[in-house]
Amino acid sequence: YGGRGAHGGGAFSGKDSSKVDRSAAYAARHIAKNMVAAGVA
């Protein structure tokens, strides 16, 4: 996000999806995006 929001865990590239560094970051983005689109905030 270019420094907005926050970042945690590790980097993404080269990791299969059993590594939550990657898969859970994708899930968190999906949730946040749908929450904004739904008008929650």
ModelCIF file with pLDDT and N, C-alpha, C, O atoms, coordinates in Angstrom:
data_MODEL
#
_entry.id   MODEL 
#
_entity.id                         1 
_entity.type                       polymer 
_entity.pdbx_number_of_molecules   1 
#
_entity_poly.entity_id                      1 
_entity_poly.type                           'polypeptide(L)' 
_entity_poly.nstd_linkage                   no 
_entity_poly.nstd_monomer                   no 
_entity_poly.pdbx_seq_one_letter_code       YGGRGAHGGGAFSGKDSSKVDRSAAYAARHIAKNMVAAGVA 
_entity_poly.pdbx_seq_one_letter_code_can   YGGRGAHGGGAFSGKDSSKVDRSAAYAARHIAKNMVAAGVA 
_entity_poly.pdbx_strand_id                 A 
#
loop_
_entity_poly_seq.entity_id 
_entity_poly_seq.num 
_entity_poly_seq.mon_id 
_entity_poly_seq.hetero 
1 1  TYR n 
1 2  GLY n 
1 3  GLY n 
1 4  ARG n 
1 5  GLY n 
1 6  ALA n 
1 7  HIS n 
1 8  GLY n 
1 9  GLY n 
1 10 GLY n 
1 11 ALA n 
1 12 PHE n 
1 13 SER n 
1 14 GLY n 
1 15 LYS n 
1 16 ASP n 
1 17 SER n 
1 18 SER n 
1 19 LYS n 
1 20 VAL n 
1 21 ASP n 
1 22 ARG n 
1 23 SER n 
1 24 ALA n 
1 25 ALA n 
1 26 TYR n 
1 27 ALA n 
1 28 ALA n 
1 29 ARG n 
1 30 HIS n 
1 31 ILE n 
1 32 ALA n 
1 33 LYS n 
1 34 ASN n 
1 35 MET n 
1 36 VAL n 
1 37 ALA n 
1 38 ALA n 
1 39 GLY n 
1 40 VAL n 
1 41 ALA n 
#
_struct_asym.id          A 
_struct_asym.entity_id   1 
#
loop_
_ma_qa_metric.id 
_ma_qa_metric.mode 
_ma_qa_metric.name 
_ma_qa_metric.software_group_id 
_ma_qa_metric.type 
1 global pLDDT . pLDDT 
2 local  pLDDT . pLDDT 
#
_ma_qa_metric_global.metric_id      1 
_ma_qa_metric_global.metric_value   93.46 
_ma_qa_metric_global.model_id       1 
_ma_qa_metric_global.ordinal_id     1 
#
loop_
_ma_qa_metric_local.label_asym_id 
_ma_qa_metric_local.label_comp_id 
_ma_qa_metric_local.label_seq_id 
_ma_qa_metric_local.metric_id 
_ma_qa_metric_local.metric_value 
_ma_qa_metric_local.model_id 
_ma_qa_metric_local.ordinal_id 
A TYR 1  2 97.00 1 1  
A GLY 2  2 96.00 1 2  
A GLY 3  2 95.00 1 3  
A ARG 4  2 93.00 1 4  
A GLY 5  2 86.00 1 5  
A ALA 6  2 89.00 1 6  
A HIS 7  2 87.00 1 7  
A GLY 8  2 82.00 1 8  
A GLY 9  2 74.00 1 9  
A GLY 10 2 85.00 1 10 
A ALA 11 2 91.00 1 11 
A PHE 12 2 94.00 1 12 
A SER 13 2 96.00 1 13 
A GLY 14 2 96.00 1 14 
A LYS 15 2 95.00 1 15 
A ASP 16 2 94.00 1 16 
A SER 17 2 92.00 1 17 
A SER 18 2 88.00 1 18 
A LYS 19 2 90.00 1 19 
A VAL 20 2 91.00 1 20 
A ASP 21 2 91.00 1 21 
A ARG 22 2 94.00 1 22 
A SER 23 2 94.00 1 23 
A ALA 24 2 95.00 1 24 
A ALA 25 2 96.00 1 25 
A TYR 26 2 97.00 1 26 
A ALA 27 2 97.00 1 27 
A ALA 28 2 97.00 1 28 
A ARG 29 2 98.00 1 29 
A HIS 30 2 98.00 1 30 
A ILE 31 2 98.00 1 31 
A ALA 32 2 98.00 1 32 
A LYS 33 2 98.00 1 33 
A ASN 34 2 98.00 1 34 
A MET 35 2 97.00 1 35 
A VAL 36 2 97.00 1 36 
A ALA 37 2 97.00 1 37 
A ALA 38 2 96.00 1 38 
A GLY 39 2 95.00 1 39 
A VAL 40 2 95.00 1 40 
A ALA 41 2 95.00 1 41 
#
loop_
_atom_site.group_PDB 
_atom_site.id 
_atom_site.type_symbol 
_atom_site.label_atom_id 
_atom_site.label_alt_id 
_atom_site.label_comp_id 
_atom_site.label_asym_id 
_atom_site.label_entity_id 
_atom_site.label_seq_id 
_atom_site.pdbx_PDB_ins_code 
_atom_site.Cartn_x 
_atom_site.Cartn_y 
_atom_site.Cartn_z 
_atom_site.occupancy 
_atom_site.B_iso_or_equiv 
_atom_site.pdbx_formal_charge 
_atom_site.auth_seq_id 
_atom_site.auth_comp_id 
_atom_site.auth_asym_id 
_atom_site.auth_atom_id 
_atom_site.pdbx_PDB_model_num 
ATOM 1   N N  . TYR A 1 1  ? 0.800   -1.224  0.000  1.00 97.00 ? 1  TYR A N  1 
ATOM 2   C CA . TYR A 1 1  ? 0.000   0.000   0.000  1.00 97.00 ? 1  TYR A CA 1 
ATOM 3   C C  . TYR A 1 1  ? 0.836   1.280   0.000  1.00 97.00 ? 1  TYR A C  1 
ATOM 4   O O  . TYR A 1 1  ? 0.338   2.357   0.328  1.00 97.00 ? 1  TYR A O  1 
ATOM 5   N N  . GLY A 1 2  ? 2.100   1.153   -0.368 1.00 96.00 ? 2  GLY A N  1 
ATOM 6   C CA . GLY A 1 2  ? 2.940   2.329   -0.498 1.00 96.00 ? 2  GLY A CA 1 
ATOM 7   C C  . GLY A 1 2  ? 3.230   3.050   0.802  1.00 96.00 ? 2  GLY A C  1 
ATOM 8   O O  . GLY A 1 2  ? 3.537   4.242   0.808  1.00 96.00 ? 2  GLY A O  1 
ATOM 9   N N  . GLY A 1 3  ? 3.130   2.316   1.913  1.00 95.00 ? 3  GLY A N  1 
ATOM 10  C CA . GLY A 1 3  ? 3.387   2.932   3.213  1.00 95.00 ? 3  GLY A CA 1 
ATOM 11  C C  . GLY A 1 3  ? 2.132   3.317   3.965  1.00 95.00 ? 3  GLY A C  1 
ATOM 12  O O  . GLY A 1 3  ? 2.204   3.604   5.159  1.00 95.00 ? 3  GLY A O  1 
ATOM 13  N N  . ARG A 1 4  ? 0.982   3.333   3.309  1.00 93.00 ? 4  ARG A N  1 
ATOM 14  C CA . ARG A 1 4  ? -0.290  3.562   4.000  1.00 93.00 ? 4  ARG A CA 1 
ATOM 15  C C  . ARG A 1 4  ? -0.711  2.280   4.696  1.00 93.00 ? 4  ARG A C  1 
ATOM 16  O O  . ARG A 1 4  ? -0.234  1.194   4.364  1.00 93.00 ? 4  ARG A O  1 
ATOM 17  N N  . GLY A 1 5  ? -1.615  2.415   5.670  1.00 86.00 ? 5  GLY A N  1 
ATOM 18  C CA . GLY A 1 5  ? -2.046  1.233   6.395  1.00 86.00 ? 5  GLY A CA 1 
ATOM 19  C C  . GLY A 1 5  ? -0.884  0.710   7.219  1.00 86.00 ? 5  GLY A C  1 
ATOM 20  O O  . GLY A 1 5  ? -0.294  1.452   8.004  1.00 86.00 ? 5  GLY A O  1 
ATOM 21  N N  . ALA A 1 6  ? -0.555  -0.541  7.049  1.00 89.00 ? 6  ALA A N  1 
ATOM 22  C CA . ALA A 1 6  ? 0.546   -1.163  7.787  1.00 89.00 ? 6  ALA A CA 1 
ATOM 23  C C  . ALA A 1 6  ? 0.990   -2.390  7.011  1.00 89.00 ? 6  ALA A C  1 
ATOM 24  O O  . ALA A 1 6  ? 0.287   -2.871  6.122  1.00 89.00 ? 6  ALA A O  1 
ATOM 25  N N  . HIS A 1 7  ? 2.170   -2.890  7.362  1.00 87.00 ? 7  HIS A N  1 
ATOM 26  C CA . HIS A 1 7  ? 2.609   -4.170  6.814  1.00 87.00 ? 7  HIS A CA 1 
ATOM 27  C C  . HIS A 1 7  ? 3.218   -4.997  7.920  1.00 87.00 ? 7  HIS A C  1 
ATOM 28  O O  . HIS A 1 7  ? 3.951   -4.476  8.761  1.00 87.00 ? 7  HIS A O  1 
ATOM 29  N N  . GLY A 1 8  ? 2.916   -6.297  7.926  1.00 82.00 ? 8  GLY A N  1 
ATOM 30  C CA . GLY A 1 8  ? 3.489   -7.196  8.914  1.00 82.00 ? 8  GLY A CA 1 
ATOM 31  C C  . GLY A 1 8  ? 3.850   -8.511  8.273  1.00 82.00 ? 8  GLY A C  1 
ATOM 32  O O  . GLY A 1 8  ? 3.698   -8.684  7.064  1.00 82.00 ? 8  GLY A O  1 
ATOM 33  N N  . GLY A 1 9  ? 4.325   -9.433  9.075  1.00 74.00 ? 9  GLY A N  1 
ATOM 34  C CA . GLY A 1 9  ? 4.713   -10.719 8.510  1.00 74.00 ? 9  GLY A CA 1 
ATOM 35  C C  . GLY A 1 9  ? 5.907   -10.558 7.599  1.00 74.00 ? 9  GLY A C  1 
ATOM 36  O O  . GLY A 1 9  ? 6.746   -9.685  7.817  1.00 74.00 ? 9  GLY A O  1 
ATOM 37  N N  . GLY A 1 10 ? 5.989   -11.383 6.591  1.00 85.00 ? 10 GLY A N  1 
ATOM 38  C CA . GLY A 1 10 ? 7.126   -11.339 5.678  1.00 85.00 ? 10 GLY A CA 1 
ATOM 39  C C  . GLY A 1 10 ? 6.707   -10.901 4.291  1.00 85.00 ? 10 GLY A C  1 
ATOM 40  O O  . GLY A 1 10 ? 5.576   -10.468 4.071  1.00 85.00 ? 10 GLY A O  1 
ATOM 41  N N  . ALA A 1 11 ? 7.636   -11.022 3.362  1.00 91.00 ? 11 ALA A N  1 
ATOM 42  C CA . ALA A 1 11 ? 7.373   -10.681 1.969  1.00 91.00 ? 11 ALA A CA 1 
ATOM 43  C C  . ALA A 1 11 ? 6.572   -11.799 1.303  1.00 91.00 ? 11 ALA A C  1 
ATOM 44  O O  . ALA A 1 11 ? 6.274   -12.817 1.928  1.00 91.00 ? 11 ALA A O  1 
ATOM 45  N N  . PHE A 1 12 ? 6.225   -11.599 0.026  1.00 94.00 ? 12 PHE A N  1 
ATOM 46  C CA . PHE A 1 12 ? 5.306   -12.501 -0.669 1.00 94.00 ? 12 PHE A CA 1 
ATOM 47  C C  . PHE A 1 12 ? 5.988   -13.432 -1.669 1.00 94.00 ? 12 PHE A C  1 
ATOM 48  O O  . PHE A 1 12 ? 5.789   -14.645 -1.620 1.00 94.00 ? 12 PHE A O  1 
ATOM 49  N N  . SER A 1 13 ? 6.779   -12.880 -2.560 1.00 96.00 ? 13 SER A N  1 
ATOM 50  C CA . SER A 1 13 ? 7.221   -13.621 -3.740 1.00 96.00 ? 13 SER A CA 1 
ATOM 51  C C  . SER A 1 13 ? 8.044   -14.855 -3.376 1.00 96.00 ? 13 SER A C  1 
ATOM 52  O O  . SER A 1 13 ? 8.860   -14.840 -2.455 1.00 96.00 ? 13 SER A O  1 
ATOM 53  N N  . GLY A 1 14 ? 7.799   -15.924 -4.136 1.00 96.00 ? 14 GLY A N  1 
ATOM 54  C CA . GLY A 1 14 ? 8.510   -17.178 -3.941 1.00 96.00 ? 14 GLY A CA 1 
ATOM 55  C C  . GLY A 1 14 ? 7.916   -18.078 -2.886 1.00 96.00 ? 14 GLY A C  1 
ATOM 56  O O  . GLY A 1 14 ? 8.444   -19.162 -2.637 1.00 96.00 ? 14 GLY A O  1 
ATOM 57  N N  . LYS A 1 15 ? 6.816   -17.657 -2.249 1.00 95.00 ? 15 LYS A N  1 
ATOM 58  C CA . LYS A 1 15 ? 6.211   -18.447 -1.179 1.00 95.00 ? 15 LYS A CA 1 
ATOM 59  C C  . LYS A 1 15 ? 4.899   -19.060 -1.646 1.00 95.00 ? 15 LYS A C  1 
ATOM 60  O O  . LYS A 1 15 ? 4.047   -18.364 -2.201 1.00 95.00 ? 15 LYS A O  1 
ATOM 61  N N  . ASP A 1 16 ? 4.732   -20.377 -1.421 1.00 94.00 ? 16 ASP A N  1 
ATOM 62  C CA . ASP A 1 16 ? 3.439   -20.988 -1.711 1.00 94.00 ? 16 ASP A CA 1 
ATOM 63  C C  . ASP A 1 16 ? 2.440   -20.549 -0.649 1.00 94.00 ? 16 ASP A C  1 
ATOM 64  O O  . ASP A 1 16 ? 2.813   -19.962 0.367  1.00 94.00 ? 16 ASP A O  1 
ATOM 65  N N  . SER A 1 17 ? 1.170   -20.840 -0.896 1.00 92.00 ? 17 SER A N  1 
ATOM 66  C CA . SER A 1 17 ? 0.103   -20.266 -0.087 1.00 92.00 ? 17 SER A CA 1 
ATOM 67  C C  . SER A 1 17 ? -0.080  -20.898 1.279  1.00 92.00 ? 17 SER A C  1 
ATOM 68  O O  . SER A 1 17 ? -0.919  -20.432 2.050  1.00 92.00 ? 17 SER A O  1 
ATOM 69  N N  . SER A 1 18 ? 0.678   -21.951 1.615  1.00 88.00 ? 18 SER A N  1 
ATOM 70  C CA . SER A 1 18 ? 0.640   -22.434 2.998  1.00 88.00 ? 18 SER A CA 1 
ATOM 71  C C  . SER A 1 18 ? 1.303   -21.424 3.928  1.00 88.00 ? 18 SER A C  1 
ATOM 72  O O  . SER A 1 18 ? 1.086   -21.454 5.139  1.00 88.00 ? 18 SER A O  1 
ATOM 73  N N  . LYS A 1 19 ? 2.119   -20.524 3.356  1.00 90.00 ? 19 LYS A N  1 
ATOM 74  C CA . LYS A 1 19 ? 2.731   -19.461 4.148  1.00 90.00 ? 19 LYS A CA 1 
ATOM 75  C C  . LYS A 1 19 ? 1.719   -18.325 4.299  1.00 90.00 ? 19 LYS A C  1 
ATOM 76  O O  . LYS A 1 19 ? 1.392   -17.640 3.330  1.00 90.00 ? 19 LYS A O  1 
ATOM 77  N N  . VAL A 1 20 ? 1.227   -18.134 5.525  1.00 91.00 ? 20 VAL A N  1 
ATOM 78  C CA . VAL A 1 20 ? 0.212   -17.102 5.740  1.00 91.00 ? 20 VAL A CA 1 
ATOM 79  C C  . VAL A 1 20 ? 0.760   -15.696 5.539  1.00 91.00 ? 20 VAL A C  1 
ATOM 80  O O  . VAL A 1 20 ? -0.018  -14.750 5.417  1.00 91.00 ? 20 VAL A O  1 
ATOM 81  N N  . ASP A 1 21 ? 2.094   -15.533 5.500  1.00 91.00 ? 21 ASP A N  1 
ATOM 82  C CA . ASP A 1 21 ? 2.667   -14.251 5.090  1.00 91.00 ? 21 ASP A CA 1 
ATOM 83  C C  . ASP A 1 21 ? 1.974   -13.758 3.826  1.00 91.00 ? 21 ASP A C  1 
ATOM 84  O O  . ASP A 1 21 ? 1.670   -12.574 3.686  1.00 91.00 ? 21 ASP A O  1 
ATOM 85  N N  . ARG A 1 22 ? 1.734   -14.677 2.924  1.00 94.00 ? 22 ARG A N  1 
ATOM 86  C CA . ARG A 1 22 ? 1.143   -14.329 1.633  1.00 94.00 ? 22 ARG A CA 1 
ATOM 87  C C  . ARG A 1 22 ? -0.381  -14.505 1.645  1.00 94.00 ? 22 ARG A C  1 
ATOM 88  O O  . ARG A 1 22 ? -1.118  -13.553 1.388  1.00 94.00 ? 22 ARG A O  1 
ATOM 89  N N  . SER A 1 23 ? -0.844  -15.707 1.938  1.00 94.00 ? 23 SER A N  1 
ATOM 90  C CA . SER A 1 23 ? -2.265  -16.009 1.786  1.00 94.00 ? 23 SER A CA 1 
ATOM 91  C C  . SER A 1 23 ? -3.142  -15.196 2.730  1.00 94.00 ? 23 SER A C  1 
ATOM 92  O O  . SER A 1 23 ? -4.207  -14.729 2.326  1.00 94.00 ? 23 SER A O  1 
ATOM 93  N N  . ALA A 1 24 ? -2.718  -15.017 3.980  1.00 95.00 ? 24 ALA A N  1 
ATOM 94  C CA . ALA A 1 24 ? -3.530  -14.250 4.923  1.00 95.00 ? 24 ALA A CA 1 
ATOM 95  C C  . ALA A 1 24 ? -3.506  -12.759 4.599  1.00 95.00 ? 24 ALA A C  1 
ATOM 96  O O  . ALA A 1 24 ? -4.481  -12.057 4.866  1.00 95.00 ? 24 ALA A O  1 
ATOM 97  N N  . ALA A 1 25 ? -2.401  -12.264 4.027  1.00 96.00 ? 25 ALA A N  1 
ATOM 98  C CA . ALA A 1 25 ? -2.360  -10.867 3.586  1.00 96.00 ? 25 ALA A CA 1 
ATOM 99  C C  . ALA A 1 25 ? -3.358  -10.642 2.454  1.00 96.00 ? 25 ALA A C  1 
ATOM 100 O O  . ALA A 1 25 ? -4.006  -9.598  2.388  1.00 96.00 ? 25 ALA A O  1 
ATOM 101 N N  . TYR A 1 26 ? -3.478  -11.630 1.560  1.00 97.00 ? 26 TYR A N  1 
ATOM 102 C CA . TYR A 1 26 ? -4.477  -11.529 0.492  1.00 97.00 ? 26 TYR A CA 1 
ATOM 103 C C  . TYR A 1 26 ? -5.891  -11.555 1.070  1.00 97.00 ? 26 TYR A C  1 
ATOM 104 O O  . TYR A 1 26 ? -6.753  -10.792 0.635  1.00 97.00 ? 26 TYR A O  1 
ATOM 105 N N  . ALA A 1 27 ? -6.131  -12.427 2.046  1.00 97.00 ? 27 ALA A N  1 
ATOM 106 C CA . ALA A 1 27 ? -7.454  -12.510 2.666  1.00 97.00 ? 27 ALA A CA 1 
ATOM 107 C C  . ALA A 1 27 ? -7.797  -11.205 3.377  1.00 97.00 ? 27 ALA A C  1 
ATOM 108 O O  . ALA A 1 27 ? -8.932  -10.736 3.296  1.00 97.00 ? 27 ALA A O  1 
ATOM 109 N N  . ALA A 1 28 ? -6.829  -10.618 4.070  1.00 97.00 ? 28 ALA A N  1 
ATOM 110 C CA . ALA A 1 28 ? -7.076  -9.372  4.783  1.00 97.00 ? 28 ALA A CA 1 
ATOM 111 C C  . ALA A 1 28 ? -7.402  -8.235  3.816  1.00 97.00 ? 28 ALA A C  1 
ATOM 112 O O  . ALA A 1 28 ? -8.258  -7.401  4.111  1.00 97.00 ? 28 ALA A O  1 
ATOM 113 N N  . ARG A 1 29 ? -6.732  -8.195  2.668  1.00 98.00 ? 29 ARG A N  1 
ATOM 114 C CA . ARG A 1 29 ? -7.048  -7.191  1.649  1.00 98.00 ? 29 ARG A CA 1 
ATOM 115 C C  . ARG A 1 29 ? -8.471  -7.397  1.123  1.00 98.00 ? 29 ARG A C  1 
ATOM 116 O O  . ARG A 1 29 ? -9.217  -6.431  0.960  1.00 98.00 ? 29 ARG A O  1 
ATOM 117 N N  . HIS A 1 30 ? -8.847  -8.641  0.859  1.00 98.00 ? 30 HIS A N  1 
ATOM 118 C CA . HIS A 1 30 ? -10.191 -8.948  0.361  1.00 98.00 ? 30 HIS A CA 1 
ATOM 119 C C  . HIS A 1 30 ? -11.252 -8.464  1.342  1.00 98.00 ? 30 HIS A C  1 
ATOM 120 O O  . HIS A 1 30 ? -12.256 -7.876  0.938  1.00 98.00 ? 30 HIS A O  1 
ATOM 121 N N  . ILE A 1 31 ? -11.030 -8.710  2.623  1.00 98.00 ? 31 ILE A N  1 
ATOM 122 C CA . ILE A 1 31 ? -11.987 -8.282  3.645  1.00 98.00 ? 31 ILE A CA 1 
ATOM 123 C C  . ILE A 1 31 ? -12.066 -6.759  3.688  1.00 98.00 ? 31 ILE A C  1 
ATOM 124 O O  . ILE A 1 31 ? -13.158 -6.191  3.644  1.00 98.00 ? 31 ILE A O  1 
ATOM 125 N N  . ALA A 1 32 ? -10.906 -6.093  3.772  1.00 98.00 ? 32 ALA A N  1 
ATOM 126 C CA . ALA A 1 32 ? -10.887 -4.636  3.874  1.00 98.00 ? 32 ALA A CA 1 
ATOM 127 C C  . ALA A 1 32 ? -11.541 -3.988  2.658  1.00 98.00 ? 32 ALA A C  1 
ATOM 128 O O  . ALA A 1 32 ? -12.308 -3.036  2.805  1.00 98.00 ? 32 ALA A O  1 
ATOM 129 N N  . LYS A 1 33 ? -11.251 -4.486  1.470  1.00 98.00 ? 33 LYS A N  1 
ATOM 130 C CA . LYS A 1 33 ? -11.812 -3.907  0.246  1.00 98.00 ? 33 LYS A CA 1 
ATOM 131 C C  . LYS A 1 33 ? -13.323 -4.053  0.217  1.00 98.00 ? 33 LYS A C  1 
ATOM 132 O O  . LYS A 1 33 ? -14.027 -3.105  -0.133 1.00 98.00 ? 33 LYS A O  1 
ATOM 133 N N  . ASN A 1 34 ? -13.832 -5.219  0.577  1.00 98.00 ? 34 ASN A N  1 
ATOM 134 C CA . ASN A 1 34 ? -15.269 -5.434  0.572  1.00 98.00 ? 34 ASN A CA 1 
ATOM 135 C C  . ASN A 1 34 ? -15.973 -4.637  1.674  1.00 98.00 ? 34 ASN A C  1 
ATOM 136 O O  . ASN A 1 34 ? -17.121 -4.226  1.506  1.00 98.00 ? 34 ASN A O  1 
ATOM 137 N N  . MET A 1 35 ? -15.284 -4.418  2.805  1.00 97.00 ? 35 MET A N  1 
ATOM 138 C CA . MET A 1 35 ? -15.858 -3.599  3.880  1.00 97.00 ? 35 MET A CA 1 
ATOM 139 C C  . MET A 1 35 ? -16.025 -2.151  3.423  1.00 97.00 ? 35 MET A C  1 
ATOM 140 O O  . MET A 1 35 ? -17.053 -1.532  3.699  1.00 97.00 ? 35 MET A O  1 
ATOM 141 N N  . VAL A 1 36 ? -15.032 -1.607  2.732  1.00 97.00 ? 36 VAL A N  1 
ATOM 142 C CA . VAL A 1 36 ? -15.136 -0.240  2.230  1.00 97.00 ? 36 VAL A CA 1 
ATOM 143 C C  . VAL A 1 36 ? -16.215 -0.155  1.154  1.00 97.00 ? 36 VAL A C  1 
ATOM 144 O O  . VAL A 1 36 ? -17.020 0.777   1.151  1.00 97.00 ? 36 VAL A O  1 
ATOM 145 N N  . ALA A 1 37 ? -16.232 -1.122  0.244  1.00 97.00 ? 37 ALA A N  1 
ATOM 146 C CA . ALA A 1 37 ? -17.233 -1.115  -0.827 1.00 97.00 ? 37 ALA A CA 1 
ATOM 147 C C  . ALA A 1 37 ? -18.655 -1.241  -0.276 1.00 97.00 ? 37 ALA A C  1 
ATOM 148 O O  . ALA A 1 37 ? -19.602 -0.720  -0.865 1.00 97.00 ? 37 ALA A O  1 
ATOM 149 N N  . ALA A 1 38 ? -18.799 -1.933  0.855  1.00 96.00 ? 38 ALA A N  1 
ATOM 150 C CA . ALA A 1 38 ? -20.120 -2.103  1.479  1.00 96.00 ? 38 ALA A CA 1 
ATOM 151 C C  . ALA A 1 38 ? -20.554 -0.870  2.257  1.00 96.00 ? 38 ALA A C  1 
ATOM 152 O O  . ALA A 1 38 ? -21.713 -0.766  2.658  1.00 96.00 ? 38 ALA A O  1 
ATOM 153 N N  . GLY A 1 39 ? -19.634 0.065   2.474  1.00 95.00 ? 39 GLY A N  1 
ATOM 154 C CA . GLY A 1 39 ? -19.982 1.290   3.176  1.00 95.00 ? 39 GLY A CA 1 
ATOM 155 C C  . GLY A 1 39 ? -19.790 1.245   4.671  1.00 95.00 ? 39 GLY A C  1 
ATOM 156 O O  . GLY A 1 39 ? -20.297 2.114   5.380  1.00 95.00 ? 39 GLY A O  1 
ATOM 157 N N  . VAL A 1 40 ? -19.069 0.253   5.177  1.00 95.00 ? 40 VAL A N  1 
ATOM 158 C CA . VAL A 1 40 ? -18.826 0.168   6.623  1.00 95.00 ? 40 VAL A CA 1 
ATOM 159 C C  . VAL A 1 40 ? -17.991 1.355   7.097  1.00 95.00 ? 40 VAL A C  1 
ATOM 160 O O  . VAL A 1 40 ? -18.253 1.909   8.164  1.00 95.00 ? 40 VAL A O  1 
ATOM 161 N N  . ALA A 1 41 ? -16.991 1.747   6.311  1.00 95.00 ? 41 ALA A N  1 
ATOM 162 C CA . ALA A 1 41 ? -16.141 2.893   6.636  1.00 95.00 ? 41 ALA A CA 1 
ATOM 163 C C  . ALA A 1 41 ? -15.440 3.360   5.367  1.00 95.00 ? 41 ALA A C  1 
ATOM 164 O O  . ALA A 1 41 ? -14.670 4.320   5.405  1.00 95.00 ? 41 ALA A O  1 
#
